[in-house]
Amino acid sequence: SRDWLEECASCTGPVLIMDVRDSLFQENPFGTTSDGQGPPVVEGLQVFEENVVQTTDHWLVEWPVRECKNVTFSKPMLCSGTTIGTREAMLQYLSDMYEEMKKWMSDPKCHFPNNGDDQSIHNYLFYTQQLPYAKAVPPRTGIVHTVGVDGSNILKQANEKKEGLRLADAYDNVKADKGGWIGDVDFLDYALTDNEGYFINADGKRSRVIHQYDRFGRPIEQWLEKNGFDDDSNIQQN
């Protein structure tokens, strides 16, 4: 991605790098939204915090960073699956990630049998002040809304309420709310979706980009199909 961006002379606007499999666009990330919100200001690099309950104490970051770098920190978890920045900042970030990855590859104590090294390195670089051009965006406040923790917790609650059913079947049997696909969630003190089922930020406006939506299971897949998200004819061609 770094080489491609560097070679693209016409790519002068903001850049979003992201996991494709579990992400979706509810609005144009860099344009005017359907309710009239103007294009967001993008300066430097934006890294996105996950749910407030998810920290770098999670084994995905704590264990590899401790073993590889002899460093520990307890901070909000940053998701490496979505990152936004100016062209200049993104090129610098991708170069910094590449150089750090080469260090891990060359050091046997930095080799681990699990996937997710990019998240370990992403958090390590930011929290050791090696990305001075980056700013962390709190959950539900920026262009990207990472919903994986909420999805996993709701799925777990559904299973506990439907003891004896398979996890997916338990979630399918939760009574849908007015949003059309999320069940009765009694442990959240905030709304995840609007009345039409779209994810919203803390200010009540629709989130532009959703990451890790698949953690909610089959109900959201059915909602996406109902609302045409799986229709290729809706994809804008530039």
Protein backbone atom coordinates (compact mmCIF):
# COMPACT_ATOMS: atom_id res chain seq x y z
CA SER A 1 0.00 0.00 0.00
CA ARG A 2 2.86 2.36 0.71
CA ASP A 3 4.43 1.83 -2.71
CA TRP A 4 1.08 2.15 -4.46
CA LEU A 5 0.28 5.41 -2.68
CA GLU A 6 3.74 6.78 -3.36
CA GLU A 7 3.36 6.07 -7.07
CA CYS A 8 -0.12 7.62 -7.26
CA ALA A 9 0.65 11.26 -8.00
CA SER A 10 -3.04 12.14 -8.26
CA CYS A 11 -3.82 10.77 -4.77
CA THR A 12 -3.56 14.06 -2.92
CA GLY A 13 -6.55 13.92 -0.59
CA PRO A 14 -7.08 12.10 2.73
CA VAL A 15 -6.25 8.40 2.79
CA LEU A 16 -8.07 5.55 4.54
CA ILE A 17 -6.43 2.15 4.90
CA MET A 18 -8.70 -0.53 6.26
CA ASP A 19 -9.65 -4.16 6.65
CA VAL A 20 -12.10 -4.82 3.84
CA ARG A 21 -13.80 -8.03 4.96
CA ASP A 22 -15.47 -6.62 8.08
CA SER A 23 -15.95 -2.94 7.21
CA LEU A 24 -18.75 -0.98 5.57
CA PHE A 25 -19.50 2.58 4.56
CA GLN A 26 -22.69 4.20 5.87
CA GLU A 27 -21.59 7.59 4.51
CA ASN A 28 -18.77 8.98 2.40
CA PRO A 29 -15.81 9.07 4.82
CA PHE A 30 -14.45 12.29 3.37
CA GLY A 31 -17.48 13.92 1.72
CA THR A 32 -20.76 15.58 2.65
CA THR A 33 -23.17 13.20 4.39
CA SER A 34 -26.80 12.51 3.59
CA ASP A 35 -27.90 14.78 6.46
CA GLY A 36 -25.70 17.65 5.33
CA GLN A 37 -22.60 17.27 7.48
CA GLY A 38 -19.64 18.73 5.64
CA PRO A 39 -16.38 16.92 4.88
CA PRO A 40 -14.37 16.20 8.04
CA VAL A 41 -11.03 17.88 8.62
CA VAL A 42 -8.16 15.43 8.35
CA GLU A 43 -4.80 16.56 9.70
CA GLY A 44 -1.81 14.33 10.35
CA LEU A 45 -2.66 10.71 11.16
CA GLN A 46 -5.80 9.49 12.93
CA VAL A 47 -5.67 6.21 14.85
CA PHE A 48 -8.90 4.90 16.32
CA GLU A 49 -9.59 3.64 19.82
CA GLU A 50 -11.80 0.61 20.31
CA ASN A 51 -14.49 0.37 23.01
CA VAL A 52 -13.42 1.92 26.33
CA VAL A 53 -13.40 -1.50 28.01
CA GLN A 54 -10.78 -2.81 25.59
CA THR A 55 -7.22 -1.92 26.59
CA THR A 56 -3.71 -2.89 25.63
CA ASP A 57 -3.72 -5.32 28.56
CA HIS A 58 -5.34 -7.68 26.05
CA TRP A 59 -2.97 -10.52 25.10
CA LEU A 60 -2.92 -9.38 21.46
CA VAL A 61 -0.79 -6.39 22.48
CA GLU A 62 0.47 -6.98 26.03
CA TRP A 63 2.17 -10.34 25.45
CA PRO A 64 3.99 -9.66 22.15
CA VAL A 65 5.15 -6.17 23.14
CA ARG A 66 6.38 -7.37 26.53
CA GLU A 67 8.23 -10.35 25.08
CA CYS A 68 9.65 -8.50 22.08
CA LYS A 69 10.41 -5.06 23.51
CA ASN A 70 10.37 -5.56 27.29
CA VAL A 71 7.79 -2.78 27.45
CA THR A 72 4.35 -2.75 29.09
CA PHE A 73 1.61 -0.12 29.10
CA SER A 74 -2.08 -0.06 29.92
CA LYS A 75 -3.79 2.25 27.45
CA PRO A 76 -6.91 2.34 25.27
CA MET A 77 -6.64 -0.28 22.55
CA LEU A 78 -5.99 1.17 19.10
CA CYS A 79 -7.35 -0.85 16.20
CA SER A 80 -4.87 -1.26 13.36
CA GLY A 81 -7.68 -2.28 10.99
CA THR A 82 -8.57 1.32 10.13
CA THR A 83 -6.24 4.31 9.94
CA ILE A 84 -6.78 7.71 8.31
CA GLY A 85 -4.37 10.45 7.41
CA THR A 86 -3.12 12.98 4.94
CA ARG A 87 -1.08 11.59 2.08
CA GLU A 88 2.14 12.73 3.74
CA ALA A 89 1.23 11.33 7.17
CA MET A 90 0.04 8.03 5.73
CA LEU A 91 3.23 7.52 3.76
CA GLN A 92 5.24 8.19 6.91
CA TYR A 93 3.10 5.81 8.96
CA LEU A 94 3.37 2.99 6.43
CA SER A 95 7.14 3.47 6.29
CA ASP A 96 7.39 3.45 10.09
CA MET A 97 5.27 0.28 10.31
CA TYR A 98 7.37 -1.40 7.62
CA GLU A 99 10.65 -0.58 9.32
CA GLU A 100 9.38 -1.82 12.70
CA MET A 101 8.02 -5.01 11.16
CA LYS A 102 11.47 -5.73 9.70
CA LYS A 103 12.95 -5.40 13.20
CA TRP A 104 10.45 -7.90 14.58
CA MET A 105 11.13 -10.30 11.71
CA SER A 106 14.87 -10.20 12.34
CA ASP A 107 14.59 -10.85 16.10
CA PRO A 108 13.63 -14.42 17.14
CA LYS A 109 12.09 -13.27 20.41
CA CYS A 110 9.63 -11.17 18.38
CA HIS A 111 8.23 -14.19 16.53
CA PHE A 112 4.78 -15.35 17.67
CA PRO A 113 2.45 -18.14 16.48
CA ASN A 114 -0.63 -15.91 16.37
CA ASN A 115 -1.95 -13.44 13.82
CA GLY A 116 -2.32 -9.76 14.67
CA ASP A 117 1.27 -8.57 14.85
CA ASP A 118 0.23 -5.38 13.07
CA GLN A 119 -1.99 -4.43 16.00
CA SER A 120 0.82 -5.10 18.46
CA ILE A 121 3.23 -2.93 16.47
CA HIS A 122 0.60 -0.25 15.81
CA ASN A 123 -0.01 0.21 19.54
CA TYR A 124 3.66 -0.12 20.44
CA LEU A 125 4.72 2.65 18.06
CA PHE A 126 1.98 5.02 19.16
CA TYR A 127 2.33 4.54 22.91
CA THR A 128 6.12 4.78 22.82
CA GLN A 129 5.80 8.17 21.09
CA GLN A 130 7.24 6.98 17.79
CA LEU A 131 4.28 8.36 15.81
CA PRO A 132 4.40 12.04 16.86
CA TYR A 133 2.23 13.01 13.89
CA ALA A 134 -0.63 10.74 15.05
CA LYS A 135 -3.65 11.51 17.20
CA ALA A 136 -5.88 8.94 18.89
CA VAL A 137 -9.60 9.38 18.25
CA PRO A 138 -11.90 8.23 21.10
CA PRO A 139 -14.57 5.64 20.28
CA ARG A 140 -17.80 6.80 18.60
CA THR A 141 -16.45 10.30 17.91
CA GLY A 142 -14.65 10.12 14.58
CA ILE A 143 -14.90 8.99 10.99
CA VAL A 144 -14.50 5.33 11.98
CA HIS A 145 -16.69 3.52 14.52
CA THR A 146 -15.21 0.18 15.63
CA VAL A 147 -18.10 -1.91 16.94
CA GLY A 148 -16.48 -5.31 17.53
CA VAL A 149 -16.50 -5.29 21.33
CA ASP A 150 -20.18 -4.34 21.47
CA GLY A 151 -21.01 -7.00 18.91
CA SER A 152 -19.15 -9.71 20.78
CA ASN A 153 -20.71 -8.74 24.12
CA ILE A 154 -24.24 -8.68 22.69
CA LEU A 155 -23.68 -12.05 21.08
CA LYS A 156 -22.44 -13.43 24.41
CA GLN A 157 -25.48 -12.04 26.24
CA ALA A 158 -27.81 -13.62 23.69
CA ASN A 159 -26.19 -16.99 24.25
CA GLU A 160 -26.52 -16.70 28.03
CA LYS A 161 -30.22 -15.90 27.70
CA LYS A 162 -30.77 -18.83 25.35
CA GLU A 163 -28.81 -21.50 27.18
CA GLY A 164 -28.49 -24.71 25.24
CA LEU A 165 -28.70 -23.15 21.79
CA ARG A 166 -25.76 -22.70 19.47
CA LEU A 167 -24.32 -19.19 19.70
CA ALA A 168 -25.57 -18.08 16.29
CA ASP A 169 -29.03 -19.59 16.85
CA ALA A 170 -29.30 -17.91 20.23
CA TYR A 171 -28.65 -14.50 18.71
CA ASP A 172 -31.14 -15.14 15.93
CA ASN A 173 -33.83 -15.71 18.55
CA VAL A 174 -33.32 -12.41 20.35
CA LYS A 175 -36.30 -10.14 19.83
CA ALA A 176 -35.38 -7.39 17.37
CA ASP A 177 -35.62 -3.76 18.48
CA LYS A 178 -37.01 -0.82 16.51
CA GLY A 179 -33.73 -0.61 14.60
CA GLY A 180 -34.65 -3.89 13.00
CA TRP A 181 -31.79 -6.19 13.94
CA ILE A 182 -30.21 -5.56 17.37
CA GLY A 183 -31.81 -7.42 20.24
CA ASP A 184 -32.75 -6.17 23.70
CA VAL A 185 -29.44 -4.86 25.10
CA ASP A 186 -29.82 -4.05 28.78
CA PHE A 187 -26.15 -3.48 29.64
CA LEU A 188 -25.40 -0.55 27.30
CA ASP A 189 -25.90 3.02 28.47
CA TYR A 190 -25.89 4.38 24.93
CA ALA A 191 -27.69 3.71 21.66
CA LEU A 192 -25.74 1.84 18.99
CA THR A 193 -28.14 2.48 16.13
CA ASP A 194 -30.79 4.94 15.01
CA ASN A 195 -34.42 4.04 14.33
CA GLU A 196 -33.52 2.68 10.91
CA GLY A 197 -30.76 0.44 12.19
CA TYR A 198 -27.74 2.48 11.13
CA PHE A 199 -24.85 2.74 13.59
CA ILE A 200 -24.51 6.14 15.23
CA ASN A 201 -21.77 8.09 16.98
CA ALA A 202 -22.08 9.52 20.47
CA ASP A 203 -23.64 12.71 19.04
CA GLY A 204 -26.50 10.70 17.52
CA LYS A 205 -25.35 11.20 13.92
CA ARG A 206 -24.69 8.28 11.66
CA SER A 207 -21.15 6.93 11.73
CA ARG A 208 -19.39 7.21 8.40
CA VAL A 209 -17.33 4.01 8.48
CA ILE A 210 -18.10 0.86 10.49
CA HIS A 211 -15.41 -1.66 11.36
CA GLN A 212 -15.89 -5.20 12.75
CA TYR A 213 -19.63 -5.22 12.04
CA ASP A 214 -19.52 -8.98 11.49
CA ARG A 215 -19.21 -9.56 15.26
CA PHE A 216 -22.99 -9.08 15.48
CA GLY A 217 -23.64 -12.25 13.50
CA ARG A 218 -26.48 -13.08 11.15
CA PRO A 219 -28.96 -10.36 12.17
CA ILE A 220 -26.82 -7.57 10.75
CA GLU A 221 -26.10 -9.61 7.63
CA GLN A 222 -29.84 -9.79 7.05
CA TRP A 223 -30.20 -6.05 7.73
CA LEU A 224 -27.40 -5.26 5.27
CA GLU A 225 -29.08 -7.37 2.60
CA LYS A 226 -32.43 -5.71 3.27
CA ASN A 227 -30.88 -2.26 2.87
CA GLY A 228 -28.98 -3.04 -0.31
CA PHE A 229 -25.46 -3.10 1.08
CA ASP A 230 -24.78 -6.33 -0.82
CA ASP A 231 -25.93 -4.86 -4.16
CA ASP A 232 -22.89 -4.22 -6.36
CA SER A 233 -24.90 -1.78 -8.47
CA ASN A 234 -24.77 0.64 -5.52
CA ILE A 235 -20.98 0.92 -5.77
CA GLN A 236 -19.89 4.25 -7.22
CA GLN A 237 -17.39 3.98 -10.06
CA ASN A 238 -14.85 6.78 -10.40
